[in-house]
Amino acid sequence: PQSPSVYLYGTAGNGKTTLLYALAKWAVFNDYRVLYTSHNRTVDAVKRSFNTKSSDAFLSNWLNGVELLLFDELCGIGGKANMTDWYKGFTSDMIGAIYESWGSGQLSIVMTTNLTPRDVYLALDRNDAIMSRLYQMFNDAIQMKGKDRRAPSKALKAWGVY
């Protein structure tokens, strides 16, 4: 049997990251081995490893012993990462590594993004293989709805955003 996993998407500020924080706290207090990270943090960790002998081994080792992966901001904060060819290739490899760990039945995942599944598909150059893996891990994507709780529209209007 596969480990349960959830894909959450929705607009900025509606509680996706806060939910991950709550899950992390609960899981740690219940003795689960948890990795909380974001897409950008993972990319940065790989870039830092370029000058070491560990760069080739990063994706094959980063999930060792992890039972719950809390992965925030797929495709970068707001889904607006600089999608270079390297970034897209790394993202595909990273999702492949997550899929392999999940496939072992030992890893549960909660992944968040501001992008709909279709937007992820388009951002990753219509990569059917990656989307197939994401679908198998998560089945139905759950849309979180709600207003931005960090910065209400009135405040953002004062900043000239609206």
Protein backbone atom coordinates (compact mmCIF):
# COMPACT_ATOMS: atom_id res chain seq x y z
CA PRO A 1 0.00 0.00 0.00
CA GLN A 2 1.13 3.49 -0.84
CA SER A 3 1.65 6.16 1.77
CA PRO A 4 -0.98 8.91 1.85
CA SER A 5 -0.03 12.15 0.13
CA VAL A 6 -1.71 15.47 -0.55
CA TYR A 7 -1.20 18.16 -3.21
CA LEU A 8 -2.54 21.57 -2.14
CA TYR A 9 -2.75 24.57 -4.42
CA GLY A 10 -4.26 28.00 -4.11
CA THR A 11 -3.70 31.70 -4.04
CA ALA A 12 -1.10 33.40 -1.87
CA GLY A 13 -1.74 33.81 1.82
CA ASN A 14 -4.65 31.42 2.22
CA GLY A 15 -2.95 29.09 4.71
CA LYS A 16 -1.03 26.43 2.77
CA THR A 17 2.31 27.08 4.46
CA THR A 18 0.69 27.54 7.87
CA LEU A 19 -0.91 24.13 7.44
CA LEU A 20 2.52 22.64 6.69
CA TYR A 21 3.93 24.21 9.87
CA ALA A 22 1.11 22.67 11.91
CA LEU A 23 1.65 19.26 10.29
CA ALA A 24 5.40 19.48 10.93
CA LYS A 25 4.85 20.24 14.60
CA TRP A 26 2.33 17.42 15.01
CA ALA A 27 4.52 14.90 13.16
CA VAL A 28 7.67 15.74 15.12
CA PHE A 29 5.80 15.51 18.43
CA ASN A 30 4.60 12.08 17.31
CA ASP A 31 8.13 10.86 16.50
CA TYR A 32 7.92 10.95 12.71
CA ARG A 33 11.04 11.82 10.77
CA VAL A 34 10.04 14.99 8.93
CA LEU A 35 11.68 17.09 6.25
CA TYR A 36 10.18 20.54 5.78
CA THR A 37 11.62 22.31 2.76
CA SER A 38 10.66 24.44 -0.19
CA HIS A 39 11.46 24.16 -3.85
CA ASN A 40 13.82 27.14 -3.64
CA ARG A 41 15.62 25.76 -0.56
CA THR A 42 16.14 22.45 -2.32
CA VAL A 43 17.51 24.18 -5.42
CA ASP A 44 19.84 26.27 -3.23
CA ALA A 45 21.09 23.15 -1.44
CA VAL A 46 21.94 21.52 -4.76
CA LYS A 47 23.72 24.65 -5.98
CA ARG A 48 25.80 24.75 -2.78
CA SER A 49 26.80 21.13 -3.37
CA PHE A 50 28.19 21.85 -6.86
CA ASN A 51 31.69 22.45 -5.48
CA THR A 52 31.73 19.30 -3.40
CA LYS A 53 31.78 15.62 -4.14
CA SER A 54 28.21 15.38 -2.86
CA SER A 55 26.56 17.13 -5.81
CA ASP A 56 25.90 13.88 -7.71
CA ALA A 57 24.51 12.14 -4.65
CA PHE A 58 22.17 14.88 -3.41
CA LEU A 59 18.94 13.70 -5.03
CA SER A 60 19.61 10.06 -4.26
CA ASN A 61 20.20 10.80 -0.55
CA TRP A 62 18.16 13.82 0.48
CA LEU A 63 15.09 11.77 1.47
CA ASN A 64 16.92 8.96 3.28
CA GLY A 65 15.08 8.17 6.50
CA VAL A 66 12.36 10.77 5.89
CA GLU A 67 8.83 9.55 6.61
CA LEU A 68 6.97 12.81 5.92
CA LEU A 69 8.05 15.32 3.29
CA LEU A 70 6.46 18.74 3.66
CA PHE A 71 7.34 20.43 0.38
CA ASP A 72 6.32 24.07 0.05
CA GLU A 73 6.08 26.28 -3.02
CA LEU A 74 6.50 23.88 -5.95
CA CYS A 75 7.85 26.01 -8.83
CA GLY A 76 9.04 28.72 -6.46
CA ILE A 77 7.32 31.34 -4.34
CA GLY A 78 4.10 32.26 -6.06
CA GLY A 79 4.94 29.77 -8.81
CA LYS A 80 7.21 32.42 -10.27
CA ALA A 81 10.64 30.79 -10.21
CA ASN A 82 13.14 31.65 -12.90
CA MET A 83 12.36 28.60 -15.01
CA THR A 84 15.68 28.12 -16.74
CA ASP A 85 16.32 24.87 -18.56
CA TRP A 86 18.51 23.79 -15.62
CA TYR A 87 15.74 24.59 -13.12
CA LYS A 88 13.17 22.63 -15.13
CA GLY A 89 15.54 19.69 -15.50
CA PHE A 90 16.38 19.72 -11.81
CA THR A 91 12.68 19.95 -10.93
CA SER A 92 11.95 16.91 -13.08
CA ASP A 93 14.79 14.98 -11.44
CA MET A 94 13.66 16.09 -7.97
CA ILE A 95 10.06 15.00 -8.60
CA GLY A 96 11.44 11.70 -9.90
CA ALA A 97 13.43 11.24 -6.67
CA ILE A 98 10.35 12.06 -4.57
CA TYR A 99 8.32 9.59 -6.64
CA GLU A 100 10.87 6.81 -6.09
CA SER A 101 10.89 7.36 -2.32
CA TRP A 102 7.10 7.53 -2.23
CA GLY A 103 6.90 4.39 -4.34
CA SER A 104 8.77 2.46 -1.67
CA GLY A 105 5.74 2.96 0.60
CA GLN A 106 7.85 4.68 3.25
CA LEU A 107 7.23 8.36 2.40
CA SER A 108 4.13 10.49 2.77
CA ILE A 109 4.11 13.90 1.10
CA VAL A 110 2.24 17.14 1.48
CA MET A 111 3.15 19.47 -1.38
CA THR A 112 1.94 23.04 -1.84
CA THR A 113 2.02 25.49 -4.70
CA ASN A 114 0.27 28.57 -5.97
CA LEU A 115 -0.08 26.87 -9.36
CA THR A 116 -2.90 24.70 -10.58
CA PRO A 117 -1.81 21.27 -11.82
CA ARG A 118 -2.24 22.58 -15.39
CA ASP A 119 0.01 25.57 -14.63
CA VAL A 120 2.68 23.20 -13.29
CA TYR A 121 2.35 21.15 -16.47
CA LEU A 122 2.85 24.26 -18.61
CA ALA A 123 5.72 25.56 -16.44
CA LEU A 124 7.55 22.26 -16.87
CA ASP A 125 7.24 22.31 -20.67
CA ARG A 126 4.30 19.94 -20.82
CA ASN A 127 6.27 17.07 -19.31
CA ASP A 128 3.78 14.20 -19.37
CA ALA A 129 6.06 11.84 -17.43
CA ILE A 130 6.35 14.26 -14.49
CA MET A 131 2.63 14.95 -14.45
CA SER A 132 1.90 11.23 -14.53
CA ARG A 133 4.10 10.77 -11.46
CA LEU A 134 2.50 13.70 -9.65
CA TYR A 135 -0.95 12.32 -10.41
CA GLN A 136 -0.05 8.85 -9.17
CA MET A 137 1.35 10.26 -5.92
CA PHE A 138 -1.51 12.65 -5.21
CA ASN A 139 -4.52 11.66 -7.35
CA ASP A 140 -6.84 14.59 -6.80
CA ALA A 141 -5.33 18.00 -6.22
CA ILE A 142 -7.00 19.97 -3.44
CA GLN A 143 -7.62 23.63 -4.05
CA MET A 144 -7.40 25.78 -0.94
CA LYS A 145 -9.58 28.83 -1.26
CA GLY A 146 -9.64 31.97 0.76
CA LYS A 147 -8.42 35.50 0.96
CA ASP A 148 -4.84 36.52 1.61
CA ARG A 149 -4.56 36.47 5.40
CA ARG A 150 -1.06 37.95 5.45
CA ALA A 151 -1.87 41.15 3.59
CA PRO A 152 -5.50 42.11 3.08
CA SER A 153 -6.33 43.80 -0.21
CA LYS A 154 -6.80 47.11 1.62
CA ALA A 155 -3.20 46.98 2.85
CA LEU A 156 -1.87 45.93 -0.54
CA LYS A 157 -3.82 48.77 -2.15
CA ALA A 158 -1.97 51.19 0.14
CA TRP A 159 1.26 49.69 -1.19
CA GLY A 160 0.11 50.32 -4.76
CA VAL A 161 -0.42 46.66 -5.58
CA TYR A 162 -4.10 47.00 -6.48
